[in-house]
Amino acid sequence: MLATNDPGLLRKIKKFLSSNFEVKDMGDVSYVIGIEIFRNKSQGLLGLSKKAYINKVQERFRMKTCSTSHVLI
């Protein structure tokens, strides 16, 4: 997974990687290793969320009815 705000740099890195390794461009990512990735391109925002993982843990340990709170970092 690659991320940059410089399209030229992204093209150079993709070219370098594809000339040295077998790679596949799978487009924009929305979920990876348990992290949801969301973006608002018009506002230039990128966010990460572990909500799905947290919900899974709560279900596993029967904690869905416990109090929760939001944490902003």
PDB file of N, CA and C in Angstrom:
ATOM      1  N   MET A   1       0.852  -1.163   0.000  1.00  0.00           N
ATOM      2  CA  MET A   1       0.000   0.000   0.000  1.00  0.00           C
ATOM      3  C   MET A   1       0.901   1.231   0.000  1.00  0.00           C
ATOM      4  N   LEU A   2       0.605   2.162  -0.875  1.00  0.00           N
ATOM      5  CA  LEU A   2       1.360   3.407  -0.985  1.00  0.00           C
ATOM      6  C   LEU A   2       0.444   4.590  -0.722  1.00  0.00           C
ATOM      7  N   ALA A   3       0.988   5.628  -0.111  1.00  0.00           N
ATOM      8  CA  ALA A   3       0.214   6.843   0.122  1.00  0.00           C
ATOM      9  C   ALA A   3       1.124   8.060   0.035  1.00  0.00           C
ATOM     10  N   THR A   4       0.682   9.056  -0.708  1.00  0.00           N
ATOM     11  CA  THR A   4       1.415  10.316  -0.831  1.00  0.00           C
ATOM     12  C   THR A   4       0.467  11.381  -1.372  1.00  0.00           C
ATOM     13  N   ASN A   5       0.811  12.627  -1.145  1.00  0.00           N
ATOM     14  CA  ASN A   5       0.032  13.708  -1.738  1.00  0.00           C
ATOM     15  C   ASN A   5       0.708  14.243  -2.998  1.00  0.00           C
ATOM     16  N   ASP A   6       1.745  13.555  -3.449  1.00  0.00           N
ATOM     17  CA  ASP A   6       2.503  13.949  -4.642  1.00  0.00           C
ATOM     18  C   ASP A   6       2.305  12.901  -5.742  1.00  0.00           C
ATOM     19  N   PRO A   7       1.428  13.171  -6.715  1.00  0.00           N
ATOM     20  CA  PRO A   7       1.155  12.190  -7.779  1.00  0.00           C
ATOM     21  C   PRO A   7       2.401  11.801  -8.574  1.00  0.00           C
ATOM     22  N   GLY A   8       3.309  12.747  -8.786  1.00  0.00           N
ATOM     23  CA  GLY A   8       4.546  12.453  -9.516  1.00  0.00           C
ATOM     24  C   GLY A   8       5.413  11.453  -8.771  1.00  0.00           C
ATOM     25  N   LEU A   9       5.544  11.642  -7.474  1.00  0.00           N
ATOM     26  CA  LEU A   9       6.312  10.720  -6.644  1.00  0.00           C
ATOM     27  C   LEU A   9       5.672   9.340  -6.650  1.00  0.00           C
ATOM     28  N   LEU A  10       4.354   9.297  -6.586  1.00  0.00           N
ATOM     29  CA  LEU A  10       3.648   8.022  -6.608  1.00  0.00           C
ATOM     30  C   LEU A  10       3.938   7.262  -7.905  1.00  0.00           C
ATOM     31  N   ARG A  11       3.912   7.951  -9.038  1.00  0.00           N
ATOM     32  CA  ARG A  11       4.218   7.307 -10.323  1.00  0.00           C
ATOM     33  C   ARG A  11       5.649   6.764 -10.337  1.00  0.00           C
ATOM     34  N   LYS A  12       6.596   7.548  -9.814  1.00  0.00           N
ATOM     35  CA  LYS A  12       7.991   7.100  -9.783  1.00  0.00           C
ATOM     36  C   LYS A  12       8.166   5.855  -8.927  1.00  0.00           C
ATOM     37  N   ILE A  13       7.523   5.842  -7.770  1.00  0.00           N
ATOM     38  CA  ILE A  13       7.636   4.693  -6.875  1.00  0.00           C
ATOM     39  C   ILE A  13       6.997   3.460  -7.508  1.00  0.00           C
ATOM     40  N   LYS A  14       5.831   3.638  -8.121  1.00  0.00           N
ATOM     41  CA  LYS A  14       5.171   2.514  -8.795  1.00  0.00           C
ATOM     42  C   LYS A  14       6.051   1.967  -9.917  1.00  0.00           C
ATOM     43  N   LYS A  15       6.650   2.857 -10.681  1.00  0.00           N
ATOM     44  CA  LYS A  15       7.524   2.433 -11.782  1.00  0.00           C
ATOM     45  C   LYS A  15       8.724   1.662 -11.247  1.00  0.00           C
ATOM     46  N   PHE A  16       9.344   2.175 -10.182  1.00  0.00           N
ATOM     47  CA  PHE A  16      10.494   1.498  -9.582  1.00  0.00           C
ATOM     48  C   PHE A  16      10.098   0.111  -9.070  1.00  0.00           C
ATOM     49  N   LEU A  17       9.014   0.047  -8.323  1.00  0.00           N
ATOM     50  CA  LEU A  17       8.585  -1.234  -7.760  1.00  0.00           C
ATOM     51  C   LEU A  17       8.233  -2.242  -8.843  1.00  0.00           C
ATOM     52  N   SER A  18       7.508  -1.793  -9.875  1.00  0.00           N
ATOM     53  CA  SER A  18       7.102  -2.721 -10.933  1.00  0.00           C
ATOM     54  C   SER A  18       8.278  -3.191 -11.778  1.00  0.00           C
ATOM     55  N   SER A  19       9.359  -2.400 -11.821  1.00  0.00           N
ATOM     56  CA  SER A  19      10.534  -2.852 -12.576  1.00  0.00           C
ATOM     57  C   SER A  19      11.401  -3.813 -11.770  1.00  0.00           C
ATOM     58  N   ASN A  20      11.190  -3.873 -10.462  1.00  0.00           N
ATOM     59  CA  ASN A  20      11.986  -4.756  -9.607  1.00  0.00           C
ATOM     60  C   ASN A  20      11.201  -5.920  -9.003  1.00  0.00           C
ATOM     61  N   PHE A  21       9.869  -5.806  -9.003  1.00  0.00           N
ATOM     62  CA  PHE A  21       9.030  -6.828  -8.390  1.00  0.00           C
ATOM     63  C   PHE A  21       7.781  -7.024  -9.226  1.00  0.00           C
ATOM     64  N   GLU A  22       7.124  -8.142  -9.022  1.00  0.00           N
ATOM     65  CA  GLU A  22       5.823  -8.352  -9.645  1.00  0.00           C
ATOM     66  C   GLU A  22       4.785  -7.694  -8.738  1.00  0.00           C
ATOM     67  N   VAL A  23       4.132  -6.662  -9.244  1.00  0.00           N
ATOM     68  CA  VAL A  23       3.161  -5.921  -8.440  1.00  0.00           C
ATOM     69  C   VAL A  23       1.834  -5.839  -9.180  1.00  0.00           C
ATOM     70  N   LYS A  24       0.802  -5.543  -8.431  1.00  0.00           N
ATOM     71  CA  LYS A  24      -0.533  -5.383  -9.002  1.00  0.00           C
ATOM     72  C   LYS A  24      -1.186  -4.164  -8.362  1.00  0.00           C
ATOM     73  N   ASP A  25      -1.604  -3.206  -9.181  1.00  0.00           N
ATOM     74  CA  ASP A  25      -2.301  -2.018  -8.682  1.00  0.00           C
ATOM     75  C   ASP A  25      -3.760  -2.379  -8.472  1.00  0.00           C
ATOM     76  N   MET A  26      -4.192  -2.371  -7.225  1.00  0.00           N
ATOM     77  CA  MET A  26      -5.555  -2.766  -6.896  1.00  0.00           C
ATOM     78  C   MET A  26      -6.453  -1.561  -6.627  1.00  0.00           C
ATOM     79  N   GLY A  27      -5.980  -0.361  -6.942  1.00  0.00           N
ATOM     80  CA  GLY A  27      -6.791   0.835  -6.776  1.00  0.00           C
ATOM     81  C   GLY A  27      -6.814   1.327  -5.343  1.00  0.00           C
ATOM     82  N   ASP A  28      -7.793   2.169  -5.057  1.00  0.00           N
ATOM     83  CA  ASP A  28      -7.917   2.746  -3.716  1.00  0.00           C
ATOM     84  C   ASP A  28      -8.241   1.667  -2.694  1.00  0.00           C
ATOM     85  N   VAL A  29      -7.602   1.766  -1.546  1.00  0.00           N
ATOM     86  CA  VAL A  29      -7.826   0.810  -0.461  1.00  0.00           C
ATOM     87  C   VAL A  29      -8.892   1.362   0.475  1.00  0.00           C
ATOM     88  N   SER A  30      -9.724   0.467   1.017  1.00  0.00           N
ATOM     89  CA  SER A  30     -10.727   0.912   1.977  1.00  0.00           C
ATOM     90  C   SER A  30     -10.602   0.168   3.306  1.00  0.00           C
ATOM     91  N   TYR A  31      -9.879  -0.967   3.297  1.00  0.00           N
ATOM     92  CA  TYR A  31      -9.761  -1.772   4.509  1.00  0.00           C
ATOM     93  C   TYR A  31      -8.482  -2.588   4.417  1.00  0.00           C
ATOM     94  N   VAL A  32      -7.653  -2.528   5.451  1.00  0.00           N
ATOM     95  CA  VAL A  32      -6.412  -3.312   5.457  1.00  0.00           C
ATOM     96  C   VAL A  32      -6.046  -3.647   6.904  1.00  0.00           C
ATOM     97  N   ILE A  33      -5.601  -4.854   7.127  1.00  0.00           N
ATOM     98  CA  ILE A  33      -5.220  -5.399   8.442  1.00  0.00           C
ATOM     99  C   ILE A  33      -6.108  -4.918   9.581  1.00  0.00           C
ATOM    100  N   GLY A  34      -7.412  -4.975   9.361  1.00  0.00           N
ATOM    101  CA  GLY A  34      -8.355  -4.615  10.410  1.00  0.00           C
ATOM    102  C   GLY A  34      -8.596  -3.130  10.585  1.00  0.00           C
ATOM    103  N   ILE A  35      -8.069  -2.329   9.689  1.00  0.00           N
ATOM    104  CA  ILE A  35      -8.239  -0.872   9.784  1.00  0.00           C
ATOM    105  C   ILE A  35      -9.050  -0.379   8.584  1.00  0.00           C
ATOM    106  N   GLU A  36     -10.142   0.325   8.867  1.00  0.00           N
ATOM    107  CA  GLU A  36     -10.925   0.937   7.801  1.00  0.00           C
ATOM    108  C   GLU A  36     -10.265   2.267   7.433  1.00  0.00           C
ATOM    109  N   ILE A  37     -10.105   2.491   6.155  1.00  0.00           N
ATOM    110  CA  ILE A  37      -9.497   3.732   5.672  1.00  0.00           C
ATOM    111  C   ILE A  37     -10.576   4.501   4.918  1.00  0.00           C
ATOM    112  N   PHE A  38     -10.822   5.730   5.340  1.00  0.00           N
ATOM    113  CA  PHE A  38     -11.822   6.539   4.663  1.00  0.00           C
ATOM    114  C   PHE A  38     -11.226   7.892   4.329  1.00  0.00           C
ATOM    115  N   ARG A  39     -11.741   8.481   3.260  1.00  0.00           N
ATOM    116  CA  ARG A  39     -11.195   9.773   2.821  1.00  0.00           C
ATOM    117  C   ARG A  39     -12.297  10.661   2.272  1.00  0.00           C
ATOM    118  N   ASN A  40     -12.048  11.945   2.376  1.00  0.00           N
ATOM    119  CA  ASN A  40     -12.899  12.946   1.761  1.00  0.00           C
ATOM    120  C   ASN A  40     -11.954  13.792   0.915  1.00  0.00           C
ATOM    121  N   LYS A  41     -11.872  13.453  -0.366  1.00  0.00           N
ATOM    122  CA  LYS A  41     -10.904  14.115  -1.252  1.00  0.00           C
ATOM    123  C   LYS A  41     -11.188  15.599  -1.408  1.00  0.00           C
ATOM    124  N   SER A  42     -12.462  15.987  -1.402  1.00  0.00           N
ATOM    125  CA  SER A  42     -12.788  17.409  -1.576  1.00  0.00           C
ATOM    126  C   SER A  42     -12.297  18.249  -0.400  1.00  0.00           C
ATOM    127  N   GLN A  43     -12.247  17.655   0.798  1.00  0.00           N
ATOM    128  CA  GLN A  43     -11.751  18.371   1.972  1.00  0.00           C
ATOM    129  C   GLN A  43     -10.307  18.019   2.300  1.00  0.00           C
ATOM    130  N   GLY A  44      -9.724  17.086   1.533  1.00  0.00           N
ATOM    131  CA  GLY A  44      -8.341  16.693   1.775  1.00  0.00           C
ATOM    132  C   GLY A  44      -8.152  15.929   3.075  1.00  0.00           C
ATOM    133  N   LEU A  45      -9.163  15.132   3.465  1.00  0.00           N
ATOM    134  CA  LEU A  45      -9.101  14.402   4.727  1.00  0.00           C
ATOM    135  C   LEU A  45      -8.868  12.913   4.502  1.00  0.00           C
ATOM    136  N   LEU A  46      -8.098  12.318   5.395  1.00  0.00           N
ATOM    137  CA  LEU A  46      -7.858  10.889   5.400  1.00  0.00           C
ATOM    138  C   LEU A  46      -8.028  10.413   6.830  1.00  0.00           C
ATOM    139  N   GLY A  47      -8.799   9.368   7.028  1.00  0.00           N
ATOM    140  CA  GLY A  47      -9.043   8.882   8.379  1.00  0.00           C
ATOM    141  C   GLY A  47      -8.880   7.383   8.492  1.00  0.00           C
ATOM    142  N   LEU A  48      -8.597   6.932   9.688  1.00  0.00           N
ATOM    143  CA  LEU A  48      -8.442   5.512   9.985  1.00  0.00           C
ATOM    144  C   LEU A  48      -9.398   5.157  11.113  1.00  0.00           C
ATOM    145  N   SER A  49      -9.999   3.982  11.030  1.00  0.00           N
ATOM    146  CA  SER A  49     -10.938   3.559  12.064  1.00  0.00           C
ATOM    147  C   SER A  49     -10.734   2.087  12.405  1.00  0.00           C
ATOM    148  N   LYS A  50     -10.768   1.785  13.693  1.00  0.00           N
ATOM    149  CA  LYS A  50     -10.682   0.410  14.178  1.00  0.00           C
ATOM    150  C   LYS A  50     -12.055  -0.052  14.681  1.00  0.00           C
ATOM    151  N   LYS A  51     -13.123   0.646  14.288  1.00  0.00           N
ATOM    152  CA  LYS A  51     -14.461   0.358  14.791  1.00  0.00           C
ATOM    153  C   LYS A  51     -14.868  -1.100  14.546  1.00  0.00           C
ATOM    154  N   ALA A  52     -14.634  -1.624  13.350  1.00  0.00           N
ATOM    155  CA  ALA A  52     -15.024  -3.005  13.040  1.00  0.00           C
ATOM    156  C   ALA A  52     -14.294  -3.989  13.951  1.00  0.00           C
ATOM    157  N   TYR A  53     -13.012  -3.764  14.190  1.00  0.00           N
ATOM    158  CA  TYR A  53     -12.238  -4.645  15.071  1.00  0.00           C
ATOM    159  C   TYR A  53     -12.762  -4.568  16.506  1.00  0.00           C
ATOM    160  N   ILE A  54     -13.035  -3.361  16.964  1.00  0.00           N
ATOM    161  CA  ILE A  54     -13.543  -3.167  18.326  1.00  0.00           C
ATOM    162  C   ILE A  54     -14.895  -3.872  18.487  1.00  0.00           C
ATOM    163  N   ASN A  55     -15.768  -3.737  17.500  1.00  0.00           N
ATOM    164  CA  ASN A  55     -17.063  -4.413  17.558  1.00  0.00           C
ATOM    165  C   ASN A  55     -16.891  -5.928  17.615  1.00  0.00           C
ATOM    166  N   LYS A  56     -15.939  -6.447  16.848  1.00  0.00           N
ATOM    167  CA  LYS A  56     -15.671  -7.885  16.841  1.00  0.00           C
ATOM    168  C   LYS A  56     -15.192  -8.360  18.218  1.00  0.00           C
ATOM    169  N   VAL A  57     -14.303  -7.595  18.844  1.00  0.00           N
ATOM    170  CA  VAL A  57     -13.798  -7.940  20.180  1.00  0.00           C
ATOM    171  C   VAL A  57     -14.929  -7.868  21.205  1.00  0.00           C
ATOM    172  N   GLN A  58     -15.767  -6.829  21.110  1.00  0.00           N
ATOM    173  CA  GLN A  58     -16.893  -6.705  22.034  1.00  0.00           C
ATOM    174  C   GLN A  58     -17.836  -7.898  21.919  1.00  0.00           C
ATOM    175  N   GLU A  59     -18.108  -8.332  20.699  1.00  0.00           N
ATOM    176  CA  GLU A  59     -18.973  -9.495  20.507  1.00  0.00           C
ATOM    177  C   GLU A  59     -18.326 -10.755  21.071  1.00  0.00           C
ATOM    178  N   ARG A  60     -17.051 -10.933  20.803  1.00  0.00           N
ATOM    179  CA  ARG A  60     -16.341 -12.133  21.259  1.00  0.00           C
ATOM    180  C   ARG A  60     -16.377 -12.272  22.773  1.00  0.00           C
ATOM    181  N   PHE A  61     -16.208 -11.164  23.470  1.00  0.00           N
ATOM    182  CA  PHE A  61     -16.160 -11.198  24.926  1.00  0.00           C
ATOM    183  C   PHE A  61     -17.484 -10.766  25.574  1.00  0.00           C
ATOM    184  N   ARG A  62     -18.536 -10.783  24.763  1.00  0.00           N
ATOM    185  CA  ARG A  62     -19.889 -10.450  25.231  1.00  0.00           C
ATOM    186  C   ARG A  62     -19.923  -9.110  25.976  1.00  0.00           C
ATOM    187  N   MET A  63     -19.370  -8.101  25.330  1.00  0.00           N
ATOM    188  CA  MET A  63     -19.290  -6.768  25.943  1.00  0.00           C
ATOM    189  C   MET A  63     -20.063  -5.725  25.132  1.00  0.00           C
ATOM    190  N   LYS A  64     -20.958  -6.157  24.245  1.00  0.00           N
ATOM    191  CA  LYS A  64     -21.685  -5.225  23.381  1.00  0.00           C
ATOM    192  C   LYS A  64     -22.553  -4.250  24.175  1.00  0.00           C
ATOM    193  N   THR A  65     -22.966  -4.619  25.383  1.00  0.00           N
ATOM    194  CA  THR A  65     -23.829  -3.741  26.181  1.00  0.00           C
ATOM    195  C   THR A  65     -23.038  -2.819  27.117  1.00  0.00           C
ATOM    196  N   CYS A  66     -21.710  -2.912  27.082  1.00  0.00           N
ATOM    197  CA  CYS A  66     -20.881  -2.055  27.937  1.00  0.00           C
ATOM    198  C   CYS A  66     -20.892  -0.612  27.416  1.00  0.00           C
ATOM    199  N   SER A  67     -20.636   0.315  28.303  1.00  0.00           N
ATOM    200  CA  SER A  67     -20.564   1.723  27.921  1.00  0.00           C
ATOM    201  C   SER A  67     -19.339   1.960  27.049  1.00  0.00           C
ATOM    202  N   THR A  68     -19.491   2.805  26.041  1.00  0.00           N
ATOM    203  CA  THR A  68     -18.368   3.159  25.175  1.00  0.00           C
ATOM    204  C   THR A  68     -18.208   4.666  25.150  1.00  0.00           C
ATOM    205  N   SER A  69     -17.078   5.118  24.664  1.00  0.00           N
ATOM    206  CA  SER A  69     -16.854   6.548  24.466  1.00  0.00           C
ATOM    207  C   SER A  69     -15.987   6.734  23.239  1.00  0.00           C
ATOM    208  N   HIS A  70     -16.068   7.911  22.663  1.00  0.00           N
ATOM    209  CA  HIS A  70     -15.289   8.233  21.463  1.00  0.00           C
ATOM    210  C   HIS A  70     -13.946   8.841  21.887  1.00  0.00           C
ATOM    211  N   VAL A  71     -12.898   8.459  21.161  1.00  0.00           N
ATOM    212  CA  VAL A  71     -11.568   9.006  21.413  1.00  0.00           C
ATOM    213  C   VAL A  71     -11.072   9.615  20.106  1.00  0.00           C
ATOM    214  N   LEU A  72     -10.703  10.862  20.156  1.00  0.00           N
ATOM    215  CA  LEU A  72     -10.151  11.534  18.986  1.00  0.00           C
ATOM    216  C   LEU A  72      -8.657  11.737  19.209  1.00  0.00           C
ATOM    217  N   ILE A  73      -7.899  11.384  18.224  1.00  0.00           N
ATOM    218  CA  ILE A  73      -6.432  11.529  18.330  1.00  0.00           C
ATOM    219  C   ILE A  73      -5.973  12.556  17.341  1.00  0.00           C
TER     220      ILE A  73
END
